Amino acid sequence: MPVDNLYHDGMRRLQDLRETRPIADRLNQVTVRTAFTEDDRAFIHGCPMFFVATADAEGRPDCSYKGGLPGFVRVLDDRTLAVPDYDGNGMYRTWGNVVANPHIGLLFLDFEKPKRIRVNGTAQISGSDPLIAHCPGAVFMVRITATQIFPNCPRYIHQMKMVEPSVYSPRPDYSPPVPAWKTFDSFRDALPARDRPNKGA
């Protein structure tokens, strides 16, 4: 189902400059949708990572990588994704932007069998979402309502293989190691109390 507002004037200007407006419109008609298909669901559930783009209230952008074990991103229904927020560096650039500006873009990639799907929509972050109890290591839960879902041509995706998942990826009955940077003198005294192993020393 094509999306009415997929292209703004800037996109149209470049499409017209390169004579690509007809193919852009055809791609909108053929590939863009507002509901997840079963193939979309299976692909997203199999992804161990994705990239996420957000912007603050003034439009200043930020792009980040989010990773976990396959299945850490859940497709809850035809239009909703759930993403756990795991322990990080505490800057909250990505999810802090969502608090200020809910618009969000996600890019899911498969490097072994090149494929990609983009998901644009709006997001909400919660510390009391019931899904947190079912996601080991989750601090917050982010629910994303998709407004645009579409695959992209994978021709420029370099083929790479997964060697092993990160030892820091949360999972049931597992305590990830402490990241090295949290032991550095430069940061130790600024860590929250829960992250200071030598706080009694």
N, C-alpha and C. Protein backbone atom coordinates (compact mmCIF):
# COMPACT_ATOMS: atom_id res chain seq x y z
N MET A 1 0.86 -1.19 0.00
CA MET A 1 0.00 0.00 0.00
C MET A 1 0.89 1.24 0.00
N PRO A 2 0.83 2.06 -1.04
CA PRO A 2 1.69 3.24 -1.09
C PRO A 2 1.41 4.23 0.03
N VAL A 3 2.44 5.00 0.38
CA VAL A 3 2.34 6.00 1.43
C VAL A 3 2.22 7.37 0.78
N ASP A 4 1.23 8.16 1.16
CA ASP A 4 0.94 9.43 0.50
C ASP A 4 2.07 10.45 0.65
N ASN A 5 2.71 10.48 1.82
CA ASN A 5 3.70 11.53 2.08
C ASN A 5 5.12 11.01 2.07
N LEU A 6 5.42 10.02 1.24
CA LEU A 6 6.75 9.40 1.24
C LEU A 6 7.82 10.38 0.77
N TYR A 7 7.48 11.27 -0.17
CA TYR A 7 8.47 12.17 -0.76
C TYR A 7 8.14 13.63 -0.46
N HIS A 8 9.15 14.38 -0.02
CA HIS A 8 8.96 15.82 0.16
C HIS A 8 9.58 16.57 -1.03
N ASP A 9 9.50 17.90 -1.01
CA ASP A 9 9.92 18.70 -2.17
C ASP A 9 11.40 18.51 -2.50
N GLY A 10 12.23 18.37 -1.48
CA GLY A 10 13.66 18.17 -1.75
C GLY A 10 13.91 16.87 -2.49
N MET A 11 13.22 15.81 -2.10
CA MET A 11 13.36 14.54 -2.80
C MET A 11 12.86 14.66 -4.23
N ARG A 12 11.73 15.33 -4.40
CA ARG A 12 11.17 15.50 -5.74
C ARG A 12 12.11 16.29 -6.65
N ARG A 13 12.76 17.30 -6.11
CA ARG A 13 13.68 18.10 -6.93
C ARG A 13 14.80 17.24 -7.49
N LEU A 14 15.37 16.36 -6.65
CA LEU A 14 16.46 15.51 -7.12
C LEU A 14 15.94 14.41 -8.05
N GLN A 15 14.74 13.90 -7.77
CA GLN A 15 14.15 12.92 -8.68
C GLN A 15 13.96 13.54 -10.07
N ASP A 16 13.48 14.76 -10.10
CA ASP A 16 13.24 15.41 -11.39
C ASP A 16 14.56 15.72 -12.08
N LEU A 17 15.57 16.08 -11.31
CA LEU A 17 16.88 16.36 -11.90
C LEU A 17 17.46 15.12 -12.57
N ARG A 18 17.23 13.95 -11.96
CA ARG A 18 17.77 12.70 -12.48
C ARG A 18 16.73 11.88 -13.25
N GLU A 19 15.54 12.45 -13.45
CA GLU A 19 14.47 11.78 -14.20
C GLU A 19 14.08 10.44 -13.55
N THR A 20 14.03 10.42 -12.21
CA THR A 20 13.69 9.18 -11.51
C THR A 20 12.32 9.26 -10.82
N ARG A 21 11.56 10.32 -11.05
CA ARG A 21 10.24 10.42 -10.40
C ARG A 21 9.34 9.23 -10.73
N PRO A 22 9.28 8.78 -12.00
CA PRO A 22 8.39 7.63 -12.29
C PRO A 22 8.79 6.36 -11.54
N ILE A 23 10.09 6.05 -11.47
CA ILE A 23 10.48 4.83 -10.76
C ILE A 23 10.31 5.01 -9.26
N ALA A 24 10.52 6.23 -8.75
CA ALA A 24 10.28 6.49 -7.33
C ALA A 24 8.81 6.26 -6.99
N ASP A 25 7.92 6.73 -7.86
CA ASP A 25 6.49 6.52 -7.63
C ASP A 25 6.12 5.04 -7.73
N ARG A 26 6.75 4.33 -8.69
CA ARG A 26 6.46 2.91 -8.82
C ARG A 26 6.95 2.13 -7.60
N LEU A 27 8.12 2.48 -7.08
CA LEU A 27 8.62 1.83 -5.87
C LEU A 27 7.67 2.07 -4.70
N ASN A 28 7.13 3.27 -4.61
CA ASN A 28 6.15 3.57 -3.57
C ASN A 28 4.92 2.68 -3.73
N GLN A 29 4.46 2.53 -4.97
CA GLN A 29 3.27 1.72 -5.23
C GLN A 29 3.50 0.24 -4.94
N VAL A 30 4.70 -0.26 -5.26
CA VAL A 30 4.94 -1.70 -5.24
C VAL A 30 5.56 -2.19 -3.93
N THR A 31 6.46 -1.40 -3.35
CA THR A 31 7.22 -1.94 -2.21
C THR A 31 6.89 -1.33 -0.86
N VAL A 32 6.35 -0.11 -0.82
CA VAL A 32 6.14 0.56 0.46
C VAL A 32 4.82 0.10 1.07
N ARG A 33 4.84 -0.17 2.36
CA ARG A 33 3.65 -0.63 3.06
C ARG A 33 3.57 -0.02 4.45
N THR A 34 2.43 -0.16 5.07
CA THR A 34 2.22 0.37 6.41
C THR A 34 1.97 -0.74 7.42
N ALA A 35 2.04 -2.00 6.98
CA ALA A 35 1.87 -3.14 7.89
C ALA A 35 2.96 -4.16 7.61
N PHE A 36 3.45 -4.81 8.65
CA PHE A 36 4.47 -5.83 8.50
C PHE A 36 3.90 -7.09 7.86
N THR A 37 4.62 -7.64 6.90
CA THR A 37 4.25 -8.93 6.33
C THR A 37 4.88 -10.04 7.17
N GLU A 38 4.52 -11.28 6.89
CA GLU A 38 5.14 -12.40 7.59
C GLU A 38 6.63 -12.46 7.28
N ASP A 39 7.01 -12.14 6.05
CA ASP A 39 8.44 -12.11 5.69
C ASP A 39 9.17 -11.02 6.47
N ASP A 40 8.54 -9.85 6.60
CA ASP A 40 9.14 -8.76 7.39
C ASP A 40 9.36 -9.23 8.83
N ARG A 41 8.35 -9.87 9.39
CA ARG A 41 8.40 -10.32 10.77
C ARG A 41 9.55 -11.31 10.97
N ALA A 42 9.65 -12.29 10.07
CA ALA A 42 10.71 -13.29 10.19
C ALA A 42 12.09 -12.65 10.03
N PHE A 43 12.21 -11.72 9.09
CA PHE A 43 13.50 -11.07 8.87
C PHE A 43 13.93 -10.26 10.08
N ILE A 44 13.03 -9.46 10.63
CA ILE A 44 13.35 -8.62 11.78
C ILE A 44 13.68 -9.48 13.00
N HIS A 45 12.92 -10.53 13.23
CA HIS A 45 13.18 -11.42 14.37
C HIS A 45 14.54 -12.10 14.25
N GLY A 46 15.02 -12.28 13.03
CA GLY A 46 16.31 -12.92 12.83
C GLY A 46 17.51 -11.99 12.89
N CYS A 47 17.26 -10.67 12.94
CA CYS A 47 18.36 -9.70 12.92
C CYS A 47 18.99 -9.53 14.31
N PRO A 48 20.32 -9.64 14.42
CA PRO A 48 20.98 -9.40 15.69
C PRO A 48 21.37 -7.94 15.91
N MET A 49 21.02 -7.07 14.97
CA MET A 49 21.37 -5.66 15.09
C MET A 49 20.55 -4.82 14.13
N PHE A 50 20.56 -3.51 14.38
CA PHE A 50 19.96 -2.57 13.44
C PHE A 50 20.59 -1.20 13.69
N PHE A 51 20.39 -0.30 12.75
CA PHE A 51 20.81 1.08 12.92
C PHE A 51 19.56 1.93 13.13
N VAL A 52 19.69 2.97 13.95
CA VAL A 52 18.54 3.81 14.26
C VAL A 52 18.92 5.28 14.13
N ALA A 53 18.05 6.03 13.47
CA ALA A 53 18.23 7.47 13.30
C ALA A 53 17.14 8.21 14.05
N THR A 54 17.57 9.23 14.80
CA THR A 54 16.63 10.09 15.53
C THR A 54 17.09 11.54 15.37
N ALA A 55 16.28 12.45 15.83
CA ALA A 55 16.66 13.87 15.83
C ALA A 55 16.04 14.52 17.05
N ASP A 56 16.69 15.57 17.54
CA ASP A 56 16.14 16.27 18.71
C ASP A 56 15.04 17.23 18.26
N ALA A 57 14.55 18.02 19.19
CA ALA A 57 13.43 18.92 18.89
C ALA A 57 13.79 19.98 17.85
N GLU A 58 15.10 20.28 17.72
CA GLU A 58 15.54 21.27 16.72
C GLU A 58 15.93 20.62 15.40
N GLY A 59 15.77 19.30 15.30
CA GLY A 59 16.10 18.61 14.06
C GLY A 59 17.54 18.16 13.94
N ARG A 60 18.34 18.31 15.01
CA ARG A 60 19.74 17.86 14.95
C ARG A 60 19.77 16.34 15.03
N PRO A 61 20.41 15.68 14.05
CA PRO A 61 20.30 14.23 13.93
C PRO A 61 21.30 13.46 14.80
N ASP A 62 20.98 12.19 14.99
CA ASP A 62 21.88 11.27 15.66
C ASP A 62 21.62 9.89 15.05
N CYS A 63 22.68 9.12 14.87
CA CYS A 63 22.54 7.77 14.32
C CYS A 63 23.27 6.82 15.25
N SER A 64 22.67 5.66 15.52
CA SER A 64 23.27 4.74 16.47
C SER A 64 23.07 3.30 16.01
N TYR A 65 23.91 2.44 16.55
CA TYR A 65 23.81 0.99 16.34
C TYR A 65 23.20 0.37 17.58
N LYS A 66 22.30 -0.57 17.41
CA LYS A 66 21.73 -1.31 18.52
C LYS A 66 21.87 -2.80 18.22
N GLY A 67 22.37 -3.55 19.19
CA GLY A 67 22.58 -4.97 18.96
C GLY A 67 22.09 -5.82 20.11
N GLY A 68 21.85 -7.08 19.83
CA GLY A 68 21.42 -8.07 20.81
C GLY A 68 21.39 -9.43 20.14
N LEU A 69 20.84 -10.40 20.80
CA LEU A 69 20.69 -11.71 20.18
C LEU A 69 19.50 -11.68 19.23
N PRO A 70 19.51 -12.51 18.17
CA PRO A 70 18.35 -12.54 17.27
C PRO A 70 17.06 -12.71 18.06
N GLY A 71 16.06 -11.92 17.70
CA GLY A 71 14.80 -11.94 18.42
C GLY A 71 14.67 -10.85 19.46
N PHE A 72 15.76 -10.07 19.68
CA PHE A 72 15.66 -9.03 20.71
C PHE A 72 14.71 -7.91 20.28
N VAL A 73 14.53 -7.70 18.98
CA VAL A 73 13.49 -6.80 18.48
C VAL A 73 12.27 -7.65 18.16
N ARG A 74 11.13 -7.27 18.69
CA ARG A 74 9.91 -8.06 18.51
C ARG A 74 8.90 -7.30 17.66
N VAL A 75 8.28 -8.02 16.74
CA VAL A 75 7.15 -7.47 15.99
C VAL A 75 5.90 -7.88 16.75
N LEU A 76 5.25 -6.92 17.38
CA LEU A 76 4.11 -7.22 18.25
C LEU A 76 2.80 -7.39 17.49
N ASP A 77 2.65 -6.61 16.42
CA ASP A 77 1.44 -6.72 15.60
C ASP A 77 1.78 -6.14 14.23
N ASP A 78 0.77 -5.86 13.41
CA ASP A 78 1.01 -5.42 12.04
C ASP A 78 1.81 -4.13 11.94
N ARG A 79 1.80 -3.31 13.00
CA ARG A 79 2.45 -2.00 12.89
C ARG A 79 3.39 -1.67 14.05
N THR A 80 3.56 -2.58 15.01
CA THR A 80 4.29 -2.23 16.22
C THR A 80 5.52 -3.09 16.45
N LEU A 81 6.64 -2.43 16.72
CA LEU A 81 7.88 -3.09 17.13
C LEU A 81 8.14 -2.76 18.59
N ALA A 82 8.80 -3.69 19.28
CA ALA A 82 9.26 -3.44 20.65
C ALA A 82 10.76 -3.68 20.68
N VAL A 83 11.49 -2.68 21.20
CA VAL A 83 12.95 -2.74 21.27
C VAL A 83 13.38 -2.52 22.72
N PRO A 84 14.14 -3.46 23.31
CA PRO A 84 14.63 -3.24 24.67
C PRO A 84 15.80 -2.26 24.68
N ASP A 85 15.84 -1.42 25.68
CA ASP A 85 17.00 -0.55 25.90
C ASP A 85 17.90 -1.24 26.91
N TYR A 86 19.12 -1.57 26.48
CA TYR A 86 20.09 -2.22 27.35
C TYR A 86 21.03 -1.18 27.96
N ASP A 87 21.75 -1.59 29.00
CA ASP A 87 22.76 -0.73 29.62
C ASP A 87 23.73 -0.23 28.56
N GLY A 88 24.04 1.06 28.61
CA GLY A 88 24.97 1.65 27.64
C GLY A 88 25.89 2.63 28.34
N ASN A 89 26.24 3.70 27.63
CA ASN A 89 27.15 4.68 28.22
C ASN A 89 26.43 5.77 29.01
N GLY A 90 25.11 5.72 29.04
CA GLY A 90 24.35 6.67 29.85
C GLY A 90 24.12 8.02 29.20
N MET A 91 24.57 8.22 27.95
CA MET A 91 24.35 9.50 27.30
C MET A 91 22.90 9.67 26.83
N TYR A 92 22.25 8.59 26.50
CA TYR A 92 20.85 8.59 26.04
C TYR A 92 20.61 9.55 24.89
N ARG A 93 21.50 9.52 23.92
CA ARG A 93 21.33 10.38 22.75
C ARG A 93 20.17 9.89 21.88
N THR A 94 20.09 8.59 21.68
CA THR A 94 19.02 8.05 20.82
C THR A 94 17.67 8.16 21.49
N TRP A 95 17.52 7.50 22.64
CA TRP A 95 16.20 7.47 23.28
C TRP A 95 15.85 8.81 23.92
N GLY A 96 16.85 9.61 24.27
CA GLY A 96 16.58 10.97 24.73
C GLY A 96 15.98 11.81 23.62
N ASN A 97 16.47 11.60 22.38
CA ASN A 97 15.86 12.29 21.24
C ASN A 97 14.40 11.89 21.09
N VAL A 98 14.09 10.62 21.30
CA VAL A 98 12.71 10.15 21.17
C VAL A 98 11.80 10.86 22.17
N VAL A 99 12.31 11.14 23.37
CA VAL A 99 11.52 11.87 24.36
C VAL A 99 11.18 13.26 23.82
N ALA A 100 12.12 13.87 23.10
CA ALA A 100 11.91 15.22 22.58
C ALA A 100 11.21 15.25 21.23
N ASN A 101 11.42 14.19 20.44
CA ASN A 101 10.91 14.14 19.07
C ASN A 101 10.67 12.67 18.72
N PRO A 102 9.43 12.22 18.65
CA PRO A 102 9.16 10.78 18.51
C PRO A 102 9.46 10.18 17.14
N HIS A 103 9.78 11.00 16.14
CA HIS A 103 10.02 10.46 14.80
C HIS A 103 11.33 9.68 14.76
N ILE A 104 11.30 8.51 14.10
CA ILE A 104 12.43 7.59 14.16
C ILE A 104 12.55 6.81 12.85
N GLY A 105 13.78 6.44 12.51
CA GLY A 105 14.02 5.60 11.34
C GLY A 105 14.92 4.44 11.72
N LEU A 106 14.56 3.23 11.28
CA LEU A 106 15.33 2.03 11.59
C LEU A 106 15.77 1.37 10.29
N LEU A 107 16.98 0.80 10.32
CA LEU A 107 17.49 0.06 9.17
C LEU A 107 17.96 -1.31 9.65
N PHE A 108 17.27 -2.36 9.19
CA PHE A 108 17.63 -3.74 9.51
C PHE A 108 18.40 -4.32 8.33
N LEU A 109 19.52 -5.00 8.62
CA LEU A 109 20.40 -5.51 7.57
C LEU A 109 20.75 -6.96 7.80
N ASP A 110 20.89 -7.71 6.71
CA ASP A 110 21.47 -9.04 6.74
C ASP A 110 22.71 -8.98 5.85
N PHE A 111 23.89 -9.16 6.46
CA PHE A 111 25.14 -9.09 5.70
C PHE A 111 25.52 -10.42 5.08
N GLU A 112 24.96 -11.53 5.57
CA GLU A 112 25.32 -12.83 5.03
C GLU A 112 24.53 -13.15 3.75
N LYS A 113 23.26 -12.85 3.77
CA LYS A 113 22.42 -12.97 2.58
C LYS A 113 21.85 -11.59 2.33
N PRO A 114 22.60 -10.74 1.65
CA PRO A 114 22.30 -9.31 1.61
C PRO A 114 20.82 -8.96 1.42
N LYS A 115 20.32 -8.25 2.42
CA LYS A 115 18.93 -7.80 2.42
C LYS A 115 18.81 -6.66 3.41
N ARG A 116 17.89 -5.75 3.17
CA ARG A 116 17.66 -4.67 4.14
C ARG A 116 16.21 -4.21 4.08
N ILE A 117 15.74 -3.78 5.23
CA ILE A 117 14.38 -3.22 5.36
C ILE A 117 14.48 -1.95 6.18
N ARG A 118 13.79 -0.92 5.71
CA ARG A 118 13.70 0.33 6.45
C ARG A 118 12.33 0.43 7.10
N VAL A 119 12.33 0.93 8.32
CA VAL A 119 11.07 1.15 9.06
C VAL A 119 11.11 2.57 9.61
N ASN A 120 10.18 3.39 9.19
CA ASN A 120 10.05 4.74 9.72
C ASN A 120 8.75 4.82 10.52
N GLY A 121 8.76 5.64 11.56
CA GLY A 121 7.56 5.77 12.36
C GLY A 121 7.75 6.68 13.54
N THR A 122 7.01 6.41 14.60
CA THR A 122 7.12 7.18 15.83
C THR A 122 7.35 6.22 16.99
N ALA A 123 8.03 6.71 18.02
CA ALA A 123 8.43 5.85 19.14
C ALA A 123 8.04 6.45 20.48
N GLN A 124 7.85 5.57 21.45
CA GLN A 124 7.62 5.95 22.84
C GLN A 124 8.49 5.08 23.72
N ILE A 125 9.10 5.67 24.75
CA ILE A 125 9.95 4.93 25.67
C ILE A 125 9.28 4.85 27.03
N SER A 126 9.38 3.67 27.67
CA SER A 126 8.70 3.47 28.96
C SER A 126 9.58 2.63 29.88
N GLY A 127 9.55 3.00 31.16
CA GLY A 127 10.23 2.22 32.18
C GLY A 127 9.31 1.26 32.90
N SER A 128 8.03 1.25 32.50
CA SER A 128 7.06 0.39 33.17
C SER A 128 6.34 -0.54 32.20
N ASP A 129 6.85 -0.66 31.00
CA ASP A 129 6.24 -1.54 30.00
C ASP A 129 6.30 -2.99 30.50
N PRO A 130 5.20 -3.74 30.44
CA PRO A 130 5.21 -5.12 30.94
C PRO A 130 6.19 -6.03 30.21
N LEU A 131 6.59 -5.66 28.99
CA LEU A 131 7.54 -6.48 28.25
C LEU A 131 8.93 -6.49 28.88
N ILE A 132 9.25 -5.48 29.69
CA ILE A 132 10.57 -5.41 30.33
C ILE A 132 10.84 -6.68 31.13
N ALA A 133 9.82 -7.19 31.78
CA ALA A 133 9.98 -8.40 32.61
C ALA A 133 10.35 -9.62 31.78
N HIS A 134 10.10 -9.58 30.48
CA HIS A 134 10.37 -10.72 29.61
C HIS A 134 11.63 -10.51 28.76
N CYS A 135 12.36 -9.43 29.00
CA CYS A 135 13.56 -9.12 28.23
C CYS A 135 14.74 -8.94 29.17
N PRO A 136 15.51 -10.00 29.43
CA PRO A 136 16.65 -9.88 30.34
C PRO A 136 17.57 -8.73 29.94
N GLY A 137 17.96 -7.94 30.92
CA GLY A 137 18.86 -6.82 30.67
C GLY A 137 18.19 -5.54 30.24
N ALA A 138 16.87 -5.56 30.01
CA ALA A 138 16.19 -4.34 29.54
C ALA A 138 16.03 -3.34 30.67
N VAL A 139 16.35 -2.09 30.39
CA VAL A 139 16.18 -0.98 31.33
C VAL A 139 14.88 -0.25 31.03
N PHE A 140 14.69 0.08 29.76
CA PHE A 140 13.45 0.66 29.26
C PHE A 140 12.97 -0.21 28.11
N MET A 141 11.74 0.03 27.68
CA MET A 141 11.23 -0.60 26.47
C MET A 141 10.78 0.51 25.54
N VAL A 142 11.13 0.37 24.26
CA VAL A 142 10.74 1.34 23.25
C VAL A 142 9.76 0.67 22.30
N ARG A 143 8.58 1.25 22.18
CA ARG A 143 7.58 0.74 21.22
C ARG A 143 7.53 1.69 20.04
N ILE A 144 7.63 1.13 18.86
CA ILE A 144 7.67 1.92 17.62
C ILE A 144 6.45 1.58 16.79
N THR A 145 5.70 2.61 16.41
CA THR A 145 4.56 2.45 15.52
C THR A 145 5.01 2.79 14.11
N ALA A 146 4.99 1.81 13.24
CA ALA A 146 5.50 2.00 11.87
C ALA A 146 4.50 2.76 11.01
N THR A 147 5.01 3.71 10.24
CA THR A 147 4.19 4.42 9.26
C THR A 147 4.66 4.13 7.83
N GLN A 148 5.92 3.71 7.69
CA GLN A 148 6.49 3.36 6.38
C GLN A 148 7.41 2.15 6.57
N ILE A 149 7.15 1.10 5.82
CA ILE A 149 7.97 -0.11 5.85
C ILE A 149 8.32 -0.43 4.41
N PHE A 150 9.62 -0.54 4.13
CA PHE A 150 9.96 -0.88 2.75
C PHE A 150 11.37 -1.45 2.64
N PRO A 151 11.53 -2.45 1.76
CA PRO A 151 12.86 -2.99 1.48
C PRO A 151 13.61 -2.06 0.54
N ASN A 152 14.92 -2.18 0.56
CA ASN A 152 15.77 -1.44 -0.37
C ASN A 152 16.63 -2.43 -1.14
N CYS A 153 17.04 -2.04 -2.32
CA CYS A 153 17.96 -2.86 -3.12
C CYS A 153 19.23 -3.13 -2.31
N PRO A 154 19.66 -4.40 -2.21
CA PRO A 154 20.82 -4.73 -1.37
C PRO A 154 22.16 -4.72 -2.11
N ARG A 155 22.22 -4.19 -3.32
CA ARG A 155 23.41 -4.40 -4.14
C ARG A 155 24.69 -3.84 -3.54
N TYR A 156 24.62 -2.81 -2.69
CA TYR A 156 25.84 -2.24 -2.12
C TYR A 156 26.15 -2.78 -0.72
N ILE A 157 25.39 -3.77 -0.27
CA ILE A 157 25.68 -4.37 1.03
C ILE A 157 26.82 -5.36 0.87
N HIS A 158 27.91 -5.13 1.57
CA HIS A 158 29.05 -6.04 1.51
C HIS A 158 28.70 -7.34 2.21
N GLN A 159 29.09 -8.46 1.61
CA GLN A 159 28.78 -9.74 2.23
C GLN A 159 29.77 -10.03 3.35
N MET A 160 29.26 -10.21 4.56
CA MET A 160 30.09 -10.51 5.73
C MET A 160 29.41 -11.61 6.53
N LYS A 161 30.18 -12.25 7.38
CA LYS A 161 29.63 -13.33 8.20
C LYS A 161 29.68 -12.98 9.67
N MET A 162 28.68 -13.44 10.40
CA MET A 162 28.67 -13.32 11.86
C MET A 162 29.65 -14.35 12.42
N VAL A 163 30.62 -13.88 13.19
CA VAL A 163 31.60 -14.79 13.79
C VAL A 163 31.06 -15.30 15.12
N GLU A 164 30.64 -14.39 15.97
CA GLU A 164 30.03 -14.78 17.23
C GLU A 164 29.28 -13.58 17.80
N PRO A 165 28.24 -13.81 18.59
CA PRO A 165 27.52 -12.69 19.19
C PRO A 165 28.36 -12.03 20.28
N SER A 166 28.08 -10.78 20.54
CA SER A 166 28.79 -10.06 21.59
C SER A 166 28.56 -10.73 22.94
N VAL A 167 29.63 -10.85 23.71
CA VAL A 167 29.50 -11.44 25.06
C VAL A 167 28.69 -10.53 25.97
N TYR A 168 28.47 -9.29 25.56
CA TYR A 168 27.72 -8.34 26.36
C TYR A 168 26.21 -8.41 26.09
N SER A 169 25.80 -9.16 25.07
CA SER A 169 24.37 -9.23 24.72
C SER A 169 23.58 -9.91 25.84
N PRO A 170 22.59 -9.23 26.40
CA PRO A 170 21.78 -9.84 27.46
C PRO A 170 21.07 -11.09 26.98
N ARG A 171 20.89 -12.03 27.88
CA ARG A 171 20.17 -13.28 27.62
C ARG A 171 19.74 -13.87 28.94
N PRO A 172 18.81 -14.81 28.92
CA PRO A 172 18.34 -15.40 30.19
C PRO A 172 19.46 -16.10 30.95
N ASP A 173 19.41 -15.98 32.29
CA ASP A 173 20.35 -16.68 33.18
C ASP A 173 21.81 -16.42 32.82
N TYR A 174 22.13 -15.16 32.57
CA TYR A 174 23.49 -14.82 32.14
C TYR A 174 23.84 -13.44 32.67
N SER A 175 25.05 -13.29 33.21
CA SER A 175 25.53 -11.99 33.67
C SER A 175 26.66 -11.54 32.76
N PRO A 176 26.42 -10.53 31.92
CA PRO A 176 27.48 -10.07 31.02
C PRO A 176 28.66 -9.51 31.80
N PRO A 177 29.87 -9.57 31.21
CA PRO A 177 31.02 -8.96 31.88
C PRO A 177 30.89 -7.45 31.94
N VAL A 178 31.64 -6.84 32.83
CA VAL A 178 31.66 -5.38 32.95
C VAL A 178 32.50 -4.83 31.79
N PRO A 179 31.99 -3.87 31.03
CA PRO A 179 32.79 -3.31 29.94
C PRO A 179 34.02 -2.59 30.49
N ALA A 180 35.11 -2.70 29.77
CA ALA A 180 36.40 -2.18 30.25
C ALA A 180 36.33 -0.70 30.60
N TRP A 181 35.61 0.09 29.80
CA TRP A 181 35.62 1.54 30.02
C TRP A 181 35.08 1.93 31.39
N LYS A 182 34.22 1.07 31.98
CA LYS A 182 33.68 1.40 33.29
C LYS A 182 34.73 1.23 34.40
N THR A 183 35.86 0.65 34.08
CA THR A 183 36.93 0.49 35.07
C THR A 183 37.99 1.58 34.95
N PHE A 184 37.89 2.42 33.92
CA PHE A 184 38.90 3.46 33.71
C PHE A 184 38.80 4.55 34.78
N ASP A 185 39.94 5.03 35.24
CA ASP A 185 39.96 6.10 36.24
C ASP A 185 39.22 7.34 35.76
N SER A 186 39.24 7.58 34.44
CA SER A 186 38.60 8.77 33.88
C SER A 186 37.10 8.81 34.14
N PHE A 187 36.48 7.63 34.30
CA PHE A 187 35.03 7.56 34.41
C PHE A 187 34.52 7.02 35.73
N ARG A 188 35.36 6.30 36.46
CA ARG A 188 34.89 5.52 37.60
C ARG A 188 34.10 6.34 38.61
N ASP A 189 34.58 7.54 38.94
CA ASP A 189 33.90 8.33 39.97
C ASP A 189 32.60 8.96 39.48
N ALA A 190 32.35 8.94 38.16
CA ALA A 190 31.12 9.52 37.61
C ALA A 190 30.05 8.47 37.35
N LEU A 191 30.38 7.20 37.54
CA LEU A 191 29.41 6.14 37.30
C LEU A 191 28.31 6.16 38.36
N PRO A 192 27.09 5.71 38.00
CA PRO A 192 26.07 5.56 39.04
C PRO A 192 26.52 4.52 40.05
N ALA A 193 26.02 4.62 41.26
CA ALA A 193 26.47 3.75 42.35
C ALA A 193 26.39 2.27 41.98
N ARG A 194 25.38 1.88 41.21
CA ARG A 194 25.20 0.46 40.88
C ARG A 194 26.36 -0.07 40.03
N ASP A 195 27.11 0.82 39.39
CA ASP A 195 28.19 0.40 38.49
C ASP A 195 29.58 0.59 39.10
N ARG A 196 29.65 0.84 40.41
CA ARG A 196 30.95 1.04 41.05
C ARG A 196 31.29 -0.18 41.89
N PRO A 197 32.04 -1.15 41.32
CA PRO A 197 32.34 -2.38 42.07
C PRO A 197 33.19 -2.13 43.29
N ASN A 198 33.97 -1.04 43.28
CA ASN A 198 34.85 -0.74 44.42
C ASN A 198 34.35 0.44 45.23
N LYS A 199 33.02 0.65 45.19
CA LYS A 199 32.48 1.84 45.83
C LYS A 199 32.70 1.85 47.34
N GLY A 200 32.91 0.65 47.94
CA GLY A 200 33.15 0.60 49.40
C GLY A 200 34.60 0.74 49.76
N ALA A 201 35.48 0.74 48.73
CA ALA A 201 36.92 0.82 49.02
C ALA A 201 37.34 2.23 49.38
